[in-house]
Amino acid sequence: MKNIKVWMLILMVAFSNACTKDFESINTNPNRPEEVPLENVLISAISQGVRRTHGASMNMTYAGLWAQHYAKIQYIDEDWYEYRPDALTGHWDGMYTGPLADLQDIINRAPNPSNMRAAAMTMRAYYFAIMTDMWGNIPYSEALDPDRTFTPVYDSQEAVYADLIAQLKSAADMFNAGGDNLGAGDLIYGGDVTLWKKFANSVRARLLNRAKGKNAAYATELQTLLSNPANLIASNAENAKMGYPDATPGASNPIYSNKNNDGRNDHAVSKTLVDLMTGDPRLPVFADVNNAGVYVGQPNGTIEPNPFSAVSQIGTAFRNDPTNPSYLFTYAEVLFIKSEANNDKQAYLDAIAASCEQHGVAADAAFLGTAGAAYDANAARARATHKWVALFGDGCEAFSEFRRTGYPAEVVEVPRSAFPGQGVPRRFAYPTSETGNNKANLEAAIQAQGVDATGIFGNKMWWAQ
């Protein structure tokens, strides 16, 4: 009953925001009534944002596809890197005018300090991190403030990271178990602000780890965080995730909904994933067997897709369970960060075991032994590859980790790439909406990053190794 009430609130708030798609600016949402209760706004911000970042388009058709967790089995243009500008524009505009605007509204109206404000700061940083990781330089310091400007400058990724890290620390310090109640607005932890504090610190650890090679102070700050594991997500029971109540359209997992409510079946698991997971106990969770009873991944970027029945579909737990949660941050990732920061083999093995446990399977001694031997042979490759596997379902994060580390090395340019010889895409293309609304600042950002005419190639991300 509680879930039904929460999702009724989601639908009410989503309906009230349904006119946002045609805004001419990313800075304001004039149709949002000022009197909407903050917990309703938090529901909107979490549900809209997570469904987008973990859904069928941004996750499966772009980030997760280019990270080669998935492969297209029909309408395979994106698997050749022939992206649809309107889709990427929709994700950019949708994030700014939807969840980011909602969260800024909370920050503007919530008491300072308060748990509501801290939760909004945490989610705002979480989403902005995804935005800068996908696009690079983005409107940040001048964004979401229509009283300041309708043509915000694009901040460098380095500057965005610096402020996000500071904001996450402030948010973690602000959470107070004796403070205000988040109410039904908390779709992640049900109002447990102690877990919100751990989530904020864990996201900060992610960003510090990603950028530590560019700033020595970040490596020191990361070690301070890791030295007190009780301040981070410390078990699978503490994973940050958003659940879904049922199969009703709008209330089900977006990957399930894409197939079962929208009638689409454009994706299978990739050959890259299946081949790298040989002997992995998670493979039956991530993929289904084909009609011959074996696991066969679809090769990315093939000229003609295989018959649907000849390749492994996305696993039943992901594709056919409407209540399967979307994971924002897991205990396994904390352990992978610890392993990388300290060259800690045991943390790496514990991370693999935690990922298996998360998906309801056990990492047996033989499997862990094989993983351990891989670590001994090449720790960086083994760690990054297994982290990539553990991120299945979170395509944006998998795409970022691949671009940062270069692993798995098996993720390579696809046959029949629309841009042969350029490799795997390095970024999302900037939105066409900015060409008319904020052209001068957009062009300055493109030039600063060496983005070429394709829109998806150019300089590496600031944090890339």
Protein backbone atom coordinates (compact mmCIF):
# COMPACT_ATOMS: atom_id res chain seq x y z
CA MET A 1 0.00 0.00 0.00
CA LYS A 2 2.86 2.38 0.80
CA ASN A 3 4.43 1.76 -2.62
CA ILE A 4 1.10 2.42 -4.36
CA LYS A 5 0.70 5.72 -2.52
CA VAL A 6 4.26 6.75 -3.37
CA TRP A 7 3.84 5.97 -7.05
CA MET A 8 0.48 7.74 -7.18
CA LEU A 9 2.39 10.81 -6.00
CA ILE A 10 4.96 10.22 -8.74
CA LEU A 11 2.28 10.16 -11.41
CA MET A 12 0.64 13.28 -10.01
CA VAL A 13 3.93 15.20 -10.00
CA ALA A 14 4.92 13.88 -13.43
CA PHE A 15 1.57 15.05 -14.82
CA SER A 16 2.08 18.48 -13.31
CA ASN A 17 5.45 18.69 -15.06
CA ALA A 18 4.31 17.33 -18.43
CA CYS A 19 4.70 20.64 -20.25
CA THR A 20 8.43 21.00 -19.65
CA LYS A 21 9.68 19.52 -22.92
CA ASP A 22 9.21 22.66 -25.01
CA PHE A 23 11.09 25.12 -22.79
CA GLU A 24 13.46 27.46 -24.58
CA SER A 25 15.93 27.49 -21.68
CA ILE A 26 17.50 24.96 -19.39
CA ASN A 27 17.41 27.46 -16.58
CA THR A 28 13.77 27.61 -15.48
CA ASN A 29 10.52 25.74 -15.28
CA PRO A 30 7.73 28.32 -15.07
CA ASN A 31 4.97 25.69 -15.02
CA ARG A 32 6.05 24.23 -11.65
CA PRO A 33 3.74 25.63 -8.96
CA GLU A 34 5.66 27.06 -6.04
CA GLU A 35 3.39 25.43 -3.48
CA VAL A 36 4.19 21.81 -4.39
CA PRO A 37 5.34 20.08 -1.16
CA LEU A 38 9.05 19.36 -1.09
CA GLU A 39 8.61 15.62 -0.63
CA ASN A 40 6.54 15.52 -3.85
CA VAL A 41 9.28 17.41 -5.67
CA LEU A 42 11.86 14.92 -4.35
CA ILE A 43 9.74 12.04 -5.68
CA SER A 44 9.70 13.69 -9.10
CA ALA A 45 13.44 14.37 -9.06
CA ILE A 46 14.42 10.83 -8.10
CA SER A 47 11.91 8.96 -10.25
CA GLN A 48 12.36 11.03 -13.42
CA GLY A 49 16.13 11.10 -13.20
CA VAL A 50 16.73 7.44 -12.40
CA ARG A 51 14.27 6.24 -15.00
CA ARG A 52 16.17 8.33 -17.56
CA THR A 53 19.77 7.49 -16.58
CA HIS A 54 18.97 3.79 -16.12
CA GLY A 55 16.37 3.44 -18.85
CA ALA A 56 16.09 2.04 -22.34
CA SER A 57 17.57 4.99 -24.24
CA MET A 58 20.30 6.78 -22.28
CA ASN A 59 21.42 3.51 -20.67
CA MET A 60 20.76 0.77 -23.22
CA THR A 61 20.80 2.55 -26.59
CA TYR A 62 23.72 4.86 -25.89
CA ALA A 63 26.02 4.57 -22.86
CA GLY A 64 25.57 0.86 -22.17
CA LEU A 65 25.58 0.07 -25.89
CA TRP A 66 28.84 1.94 -26.49
CA ALA A 67 30.31 0.28 -23.38
CA GLN A 68 29.24 -3.01 -25.05
CA HIS A 69 27.09 -4.38 -22.27
CA TYR A 70 24.34 -4.53 -24.86
CA ALA A 71 24.19 -4.92 -28.63
CA LYS A 72 21.42 -3.93 -31.00
CA ILE A 73 19.48 -6.69 -32.76
CA GLN A 74 17.28 -4.33 -34.79
CA TYR A 75 17.41 -0.64 -35.67
CA ILE A 76 21.13 -0.90 -35.10
CA ASP A 77 22.22 2.58 -36.22
CA GLU A 78 23.42 3.53 -32.73
CA ASP A 79 25.55 0.39 -32.64
CA TRP A 80 27.38 1.89 -35.63
CA TYR A 81 27.66 5.16 -33.63
CA GLU A 82 25.03 6.79 -35.85
CA TYR A 83 23.35 8.55 -32.96
CA ARG A 84 20.03 10.37 -33.16
CA PRO A 85 20.55 14.05 -32.28
CA ASP A 86 16.99 14.40 -31.03
CA ALA A 87 17.51 11.57 -28.53
CA LEU A 88 20.65 13.07 -26.98
CA THR A 89 19.03 16.51 -27.02
CA GLY A 90 16.07 15.02 -25.18
CA HIS A 91 18.31 13.60 -22.46
CA TRP A 92 20.16 16.89 -21.97
CA ASP A 93 17.02 19.02 -21.91
CA GLY A 94 15.12 16.45 -19.89
CA MET A 95 17.73 16.36 -17.15
CA TYR A 96 18.03 20.13 -16.85
CA THR A 97 14.32 20.97 -16.97
CA GLY A 98 13.26 17.89 -15.01
CA PRO A 99 15.19 16.40 -12.08
CA LEU A 100 17.90 19.05 -11.88
CA ALA A 101 15.32 21.85 -11.84
CA ASP A 102 13.33 19.94 -9.21
CA LEU A 103 16.37 19.53 -7.01
CA GLN A 104 17.35 23.16 -7.33
CA ASP A 105 13.80 24.06 -6.30
CA ILE A 106 14.23 21.98 -3.14
CA ILE A 107 17.60 23.54 -2.37
CA ASN A 108 16.11 27.01 -2.82
CA ARG A 109 13.17 26.32 -0.50
CA ALA A 110 14.35 23.76 2.09
CA PRO A 111 15.69 24.96 5.45
CA ASN A 112 19.47 25.20 5.69
CA PRO A 113 20.53 22.90 7.25
CA SER A 114 17.99 20.11 6.75
CA ASN A 115 17.91 16.50 5.62
CA MET A 116 15.69 17.45 2.70
CA ARG A 117 18.26 19.96 1.50
CA ALA A 118 21.10 17.44 1.96
CA ALA A 119 19.23 14.77 -0.02
CA ALA A 120 18.61 17.25 -2.84
CA MET A 121 22.28 18.28 -2.83
CA THR A 122 23.31 14.61 -3.03
CA MET A 123 21.02 13.78 -5.95
CA ARG A 124 21.91 17.02 -7.73
CA ALA A 125 25.60 16.10 -7.52
CA TYR A 126 24.86 12.52 -8.60
CA TYR A 127 23.01 13.68 -11.73
CA PHE A 128 25.44 16.48 -12.59
CA ALA A 129 28.30 13.96 -12.37
CA ILE A 130 26.55 11.83 -14.99
CA MET A 131 25.98 14.89 -17.16
CA THR A 132 29.61 16.00 -17.13
CA ASP A 133 30.83 12.42 -17.58
CA MET A 134 28.66 12.01 -20.68
CA TRP A 135 29.16 15.47 -22.25
CA GLY A 136 32.30 16.98 -20.69
CA ASN A 137 32.07 20.74 -20.16
CA ILE A 138 28.50 21.67 -19.22
CA PRO A 139 26.48 24.60 -17.88
CA TYR A 140 26.88 24.33 -14.13
CA SER A 141 27.75 27.41 -12.06
CA GLU A 142 25.26 29.60 -13.97
CA ALA A 143 22.71 26.87 -14.74
CA LEU A 144 19.32 26.55 -13.03
CA ASP A 145 19.26 30.24 -12.09
CA PRO A 146 17.02 32.22 -14.48
CA ASP A 147 17.52 35.37 -12.43
CA ARG A 148 21.19 35.25 -13.35
CA THR A 149 21.23 34.34 -17.03
CA PHE A 150 19.42 32.44 -19.74
CA THR A 151 22.71 31.73 -21.53
CA PRO A 152 24.91 30.03 -18.92
CA VAL A 153 28.60 29.49 -19.53
CA TYR A 154 29.95 25.98 -19.85
CA ASP A 155 32.16 25.13 -16.89
CA SER A 156 35.17 22.89 -17.43
CA GLN A 157 34.86 19.32 -16.26
CA GLU A 158 37.67 19.96 -13.80
CA ALA A 159 35.73 22.86 -12.22
CA VAL A 160 32.48 20.88 -12.14
CA TYR A 161 34.19 17.98 -10.38
CA ALA A 162 35.76 20.26 -7.80
CA ASP A 163 32.41 21.74 -6.83
CA LEU A 164 30.55 18.41 -6.91
CA ILE A 165 33.09 16.92 -4.52
CA ALA A 166 32.68 19.89 -2.18
CA GLN A 167 28.87 19.73 -2.41
CA LEU A 168 28.82 16.02 -1.58
CA LYS A 169 30.99 16.58 1.49
CA SER A 170 28.69 19.39 2.65
CA ALA A 171 25.63 17.21 2.09
CA ALA A 172 27.12 14.28 4.03
CA ASP A 173 27.98 16.58 6.94
CA MET A 174 24.45 18.03 6.90
CA PHE A 175 22.52 14.76 7.32
CA ASN A 176 21.19 14.51 10.85
CA ALA A 177 19.42 11.44 12.22
CA GLY A 178 17.52 13.68 14.61
CA GLY A 179 16.46 16.13 11.91
CA ASP A 180 13.54 16.46 9.52
CA ASN A 181 11.84 13.46 7.92
CA LEU A 182 12.15 13.00 4.15
CA GLY A 183 8.71 11.42 4.09
CA ALA A 184 7.34 9.56 1.08
CA GLY A 185 9.69 11.53 -1.15
CA ASP A 186 12.59 9.18 -0.42
CA LEU A 187 12.37 6.43 -3.03
CA ILE A 188 15.91 5.24 -2.30
CA TYR A 189 16.29 4.70 1.45
CA GLY A 190 12.78 5.18 2.83
CA GLY A 191 13.84 8.10 5.01
CA ASP A 192 17.00 6.58 6.53
CA VAL A 193 19.33 9.59 6.55
CA THR A 194 22.22 7.54 7.97
CA LEU A 195 22.22 5.60 4.70
CA TRP A 196 21.87 8.83 2.72
CA LYS A 197 25.06 10.05 4.39
CA LYS A 198 26.82 6.86 3.27
CA PHE A 199 25.47 7.31 -0.25
CA ALA A 200 26.76 10.90 -0.43
CA ASN A 201 30.20 9.82 0.78
CA SER A 202 30.27 6.90 -1.65
CA VAL A 203 29.44 9.11 -4.63
CA ARG A 204 32.20 11.45 -3.47
CA ALA A 205 34.58 8.47 -3.37
CA ARG A 206 33.58 7.63 -6.97
CA LEU A 207 34.44 11.12 -8.17
CA LEU A 208 37.65 11.32 -6.14
CA ASN A 209 38.76 7.96 -7.53
CA ARG A 210 37.96 8.97 -11.09
CA ALA A 211 39.87 12.25 -10.81
CA LYS A 212 42.69 11.27 -8.45
CA GLY A 213 45.20 11.02 -11.28
CA LYS A 214 44.58 14.67 -12.12
CA ASN A 215 44.76 16.13 -8.61
CA ALA A 216 46.96 14.73 -5.84
CA ALA A 217 44.69 16.27 -3.20
CA TYR A 218 41.87 14.05 -4.40
CA ALA A 219 43.96 10.93 -3.77
CA THR A 220 44.60 12.11 -0.20
CA GLU A 221 40.91 12.90 0.37
CA LEU A 222 39.95 9.50 -1.01
CA GLN A 223 42.29 7.76 1.43
CA THR A 224 40.69 9.67 4.29
CA LEU A 225 37.25 8.48 3.19
CA LEU A 226 38.36 4.88 2.75
CA SER A 227 40.04 4.84 6.16
CA ASN A 228 36.60 4.95 7.79
CA PRO A 229 34.52 2.33 5.92
CA ALA A 230 31.55 2.91 8.25
CA ASN A 231 31.00 6.23 6.47
CA LEU A 232 30.55 4.46 3.11
CA ILE A 233 28.08 1.89 1.80
CA ALA A 234 29.25 -1.13 3.77
CA SER A 235 27.04 -4.03 2.62
CA ASN A 236 24.55 -4.94 -0.09
CA ALA A 237 21.80 -4.10 2.37
CA GLU A 238 22.94 -0.48 2.10
CA ASN A 239 23.05 -0.28 -1.71
CA ALA A 240 21.49 2.87 -3.16
CA LYS A 241 18.67 1.71 -5.40
CA MET A 242 15.24 2.72 -6.58
CA GLY A 243 12.60 0.02 -6.59
CA TYR A 244 9.46 -0.26 -8.71
CA PRO A 245 6.09 -1.44 -7.33
CA ASP A 246 4.49 -3.33 -10.21
CA ALA A 247 4.02 -3.78 -13.97
CA THR A 248 1.78 -0.74 -14.39
CA PRO A 249 3.14 1.60 -17.09
CA GLY A 250 4.98 4.38 -15.31
CA ALA A 251 5.49 2.26 -12.20
CA SER A 252 7.65 -0.55 -13.59
CA ASN A 253 11.37 -0.87 -14.24
CA PRO A 254 12.08 1.09 -17.45
CA ILE A 255 13.99 -1.80 -19.06
CA TYR A 256 11.03 -4.10 -18.40
CA SER A 257 8.62 -1.41 -19.56
CA ASN A 258 10.51 -0.87 -22.82
CA LYS A 259 9.83 -4.47 -23.84
CA ASN A 260 6.58 -5.33 -22.15
CA ASN A 261 4.71 -2.02 -22.13
CA ASP A 262 6.21 -0.32 -25.19
CA GLY A 263 6.52 -3.49 -27.28
CA ARG A 264 10.19 -2.95 -28.12
CA ASN A 265 12.88 -5.61 -28.23
CA ASP A 266 15.87 -3.93 -29.86
CA HIS A 267 18.67 -5.13 -27.57
CA ALA A 268 20.44 -8.34 -26.62
CA VAL A 269 23.47 -8.88 -24.43
CA SER A 270 26.69 -8.32 -26.32
CA LYS A 271 29.23 -10.88 -27.40
CA THR A 272 31.84 -8.85 -25.51
CA LEU A 273 29.95 -9.34 -22.25
CA VAL A 274 29.13 -13.02 -22.74
CA ASP A 275 32.68 -13.93 -23.76
CA LEU A 276 34.18 -12.11 -20.77
CA MET A 277 31.73 -13.82 -18.39
CA THR A 278 32.53 -17.40 -19.30
CA GLY A 279 32.25 -19.34 -16.04
CA ASP A 280 30.86 -16.33 -14.20
CA PRO A 281 27.93 -17.26 -11.91
CA ARG A 282 26.21 -13.95 -12.78
CA LEU A 283 25.90 -14.80 -16.48
CA PRO A 284 22.55 -16.64 -16.06
CA VAL A 285 21.23 -13.51 -14.32
CA PHE A 286 22.47 -11.06 -16.93
CA ALA A 287 21.58 -13.19 -19.97
CA ASP A 288 19.22 -15.94 -21.09
CA VAL A 289 20.28 -18.95 -23.14
CA ASN A 290 19.40 -18.97 -26.82
CA ASN A 291 17.12 -21.48 -28.54
CA ALA A 292 19.93 -24.05 -28.51
CA GLY A 293 20.35 -23.72 -24.75
CA VAL A 294 23.68 -21.91 -24.80
CA TYR A 295 24.86 -18.37 -24.16
CA VAL A 296 25.64 -16.50 -27.37
CA GLY A 297 26.13 -12.75 -27.29
CA GLN A 298 25.24 -10.52 -30.22
CA PRO A 299 28.37 -8.96 -31.81
CA ASN A 300 28.24 -5.19 -31.67
CA GLY A 301 27.96 -3.38 -34.98
CA THR A 302 27.35 -6.37 -37.20
CA ILE A 303 25.97 -5.71 -40.65
CA GLU A 304 22.94 -7.94 -40.10
CA PRO A 305 21.60 -8.91 -36.69
CA ASN A 306 21.30 -12.59 -35.89
CA PRO A 307 17.80 -14.04 -35.53
CA PHE A 308 16.44 -13.11 -32.12
CA SER A 309 16.24 -16.73 -31.05
CA ALA A 310 19.88 -17.41 -31.95
CA VAL A 311 21.37 -14.94 -29.47
CA SER A 312 21.04 -14.46 -25.75
CA GLN A 313 18.40 -11.99 -24.69
CA ILE A 314 18.88 -9.74 -21.68
CA GLY A 315 18.33 -11.79 -18.54
CA THR A 316 14.83 -12.37 -17.22
CA ALA A 317 15.67 -10.60 -13.95
CA PHE A 318 16.39 -7.41 -15.89
CA ARG A 319 14.06 -7.61 -18.88
CA ASN A 320 10.98 -9.40 -17.54
CA ASP A 321 10.76 -8.39 -13.88
CA PRO A 322 8.83 -5.12 -13.52
CA THR A 323 10.00 -4.69 -9.92
CA ASN A 324 13.72 -5.15 -10.54
CA PRO A 325 15.43 -2.13 -8.91
CA SER A 326 17.75 0.37 -10.58
CA TYR A 327 21.07 0.53 -8.72
CA LEU A 328 22.63 3.94 -8.25
CA PHE A 329 25.56 2.79 -6.12
CA THR A 330 26.59 -0.59 -4.72
CA TYR A 331 28.81 -2.06 -2.07
CA ALA A 332 30.76 -3.81 -4.82
CA GLU A 333 31.75 -0.46 -6.29
CA VAL A 334 33.02 0.76 -2.93
CA LEU A 335 35.23 -2.31 -2.74
CA PHE A 336 36.50 -1.86 -6.30
CA ILE A 337 37.43 1.73 -5.44
CA LYS A 338 39.24 0.52 -2.33
CA SER A 339 41.10 -2.10 -4.36
CA GLU A 340 42.23 0.45 -6.94
CA ALA A 341 43.24 3.10 -4.41
CA ASN A 342 45.30 0.67 -2.32
CA ASN A 343 46.22 -2.03 -4.86
CA ASP A 344 44.28 -4.37 -2.59
CA LYS A 345 43.70 -7.82 -4.07
CA GLN A 346 41.43 -8.96 -1.24
CA ALA A 347 39.17 -5.95 -1.72
CA TYR A 348 38.97 -6.86 -5.42
CA LEU A 349 37.94 -10.43 -4.61
CA ASP A 350 35.46 -9.18 -2.01
CA ALA A 351 34.02 -6.81 -4.63
CA ILE A 352 33.39 -9.69 -7.04
CA ALA A 353 31.79 -11.72 -4.25
CA ALA A 354 29.62 -8.76 -3.25
CA SER A 355 28.46 -8.27 -6.84
CA CYS A 356 27.53 -11.95 -7.08
CA GLU A 357 25.63 -11.74 -3.79
CA GLN A 358 23.81 -8.63 -5.03
CA HIS A 359 22.43 -10.70 -7.89
CA GLY A 360 21.53 -13.72 -5.78
CA VAL A 361 24.38 -16.05 -6.75
CA ALA A 362 27.53 -17.22 -4.99
CA ALA A 363 31.12 -16.68 -6.09
CA ASP A 364 32.60 -20.14 -5.60
CA ALA A 365 36.24 -20.86 -4.87
CA ALA A 366 37.06 -21.89 -8.44
CA PHE A 367 35.65 -18.70 -9.91
CA LEU A 368 37.41 -16.51 -7.35
CA GLY A 369 40.61 -18.43 -7.96
CA THR A 370 40.45 -17.65 -11.67
CA ALA A 371 39.74 -14.00 -10.89
CA GLY A 372 42.64 -13.93 -8.46
CA ALA A 373 45.03 -15.33 -11.06
CA ALA A 374 43.90 -12.63 -13.48
CA TYR A 375 44.67 -10.00 -10.85
CA ASP A 376 48.16 -11.40 -10.34
CA ALA A 377 48.79 -11.28 -14.08
CA ASN A 378 47.54 -7.71 -14.61
CA ALA A 379 45.85 -6.07 -11.65
CA ALA A 380 44.65 -2.96 -13.48
CA ARG A 381 43.08 -4.95 -16.29
CA ALA A 382 41.44 -7.53 -14.02
CA ARG A 383 40.07 -4.94 -11.62
CA ALA A 384 38.65 -2.66 -14.33
CA THR A 385 37.18 -5.55 -16.30
CA HIS A 386 35.40 -7.05 -13.30
CA LYS A 387 34.17 -3.63 -12.25
CA TRP A 388 32.73 -3.17 -15.75
CA VAL A 389 30.92 -6.50 -15.40
CA ALA A 390 29.58 -5.54 -11.97
CA LEU A 391 28.17 -2.30 -13.42
CA PHE A 392 25.81 -4.16 -15.76
CA GLY A 393 22.54 -2.26 -15.78
CA ASP A 394 24.24 1.08 -15.14
CA GLY A 395 25.40 1.91 -18.65
CA CYS A 396 26.49 5.48 -17.95
CA GLU A 397 28.90 4.40 -15.23
CA ALA A 398 30.21 1.46 -17.28
CA PHE A 399 30.83 3.78 -20.24
CA SER A 400 32.70 6.23 -18.01
CA GLU A 401 34.87 3.56 -16.45
CA PHE A 402 35.77 2.12 -19.84
CA ARG A 403 36.77 5.56 -21.13
CA ARG A 404 38.79 6.24 -17.97
CA THR A 405 40.74 2.98 -17.79
CA GLY A 406 40.71 1.63 -21.34
CA TYR A 407 39.39 -1.69 -20.03
CA PRO A 408 37.95 -4.08 -20.96
CA ALA A 409 40.45 -4.06 -23.80
CA GLU A 410 37.94 -6.17 -25.73
CA VAL A 411 35.67 -3.14 -26.14
CA VAL A 412 36.84 -1.87 -29.53
CA GLU A 413 35.50 0.03 -32.51
CA VAL A 414 32.70 -1.88 -34.15
CA PRO A 415 32.67 -3.17 -37.73
CA ARG A 416 30.97 -0.78 -40.09
CA SER A 417 31.47 2.14 -37.74
CA ALA A 418 30.01 5.34 -39.16
CA PHE A 419 33.35 6.95 -38.28
CA PRO A 420 35.98 4.33 -39.14
CA GLY A 421 39.34 4.61 -37.47
CA GLN A 422 38.13 6.87 -34.65
CA GLY A 423 37.59 4.12 -32.10
CA VAL A 424 34.80 3.95 -29.54
CA PRO A 425 32.90 7.24 -28.99
CA ARG A 426 34.38 9.52 -26.34
CA ARG A 427 31.29 11.52 -25.40
CA PHE A 428 27.66 12.28 -26.07
CA ALA A 429 27.03 14.91 -28.75
CA TYR A 430 25.87 18.29 -27.51
CA PRO A 431 22.15 19.05 -27.96
CA THR A 432 20.78 20.81 -30.98
CA SER A 433 18.68 22.95 -28.63
CA GLU A 434 21.81 24.76 -27.46
CA THR A 435 22.62 25.83 -31.02
CA GLY A 436 19.77 28.30 -30.92
CA ASN A 437 19.55 29.03 -27.21
CA ASN A 438 23.18 29.31 -26.13
CA LYS A 439 25.26 29.15 -29.30
CA ALA A 440 28.27 31.25 -28.29
CA ASN A 441 28.89 29.33 -25.08
CA LEU A 442 28.29 26.00 -26.82
CA GLU A 443 30.83 26.81 -29.52
CA ALA A 444 33.39 27.86 -26.91
CA ALA A 445 32.94 24.51 -25.13
CA ILE A 446 33.29 22.57 -28.37
CA GLN A 447 36.49 24.39 -29.24
CA ALA A 448 37.95 24.00 -25.75
CA GLN A 449 37.52 20.21 -25.90
CA GLY A 450 38.49 19.68 -29.52
CA VAL A 451 35.12 18.13 -30.33
CA ASP A 452 35.09 17.33 -34.04
CA ALA A 453 32.29 17.51 -36.57
CA THR A 454 30.97 14.09 -35.53
CA GLY A 455 30.04 15.47 -32.11
CA ILE A 456 31.15 12.28 -30.35
CA PHE A 457 34.91 12.37 -30.88
CA GLY A 458 37.61 14.82 -29.88
CA ASN A 459 39.76 15.20 -26.80
CA LYS A 460 39.43 12.62 -24.05
CA MET A 461 37.47 13.47 -20.95
CA TRP A 462 39.50 15.45 -18.42
CA TRP A 463 39.77 12.49 -16.06
CA ALA A 464 40.69 9.88 -18.69
CA GLN A 465 43.96 8.01 -18.26
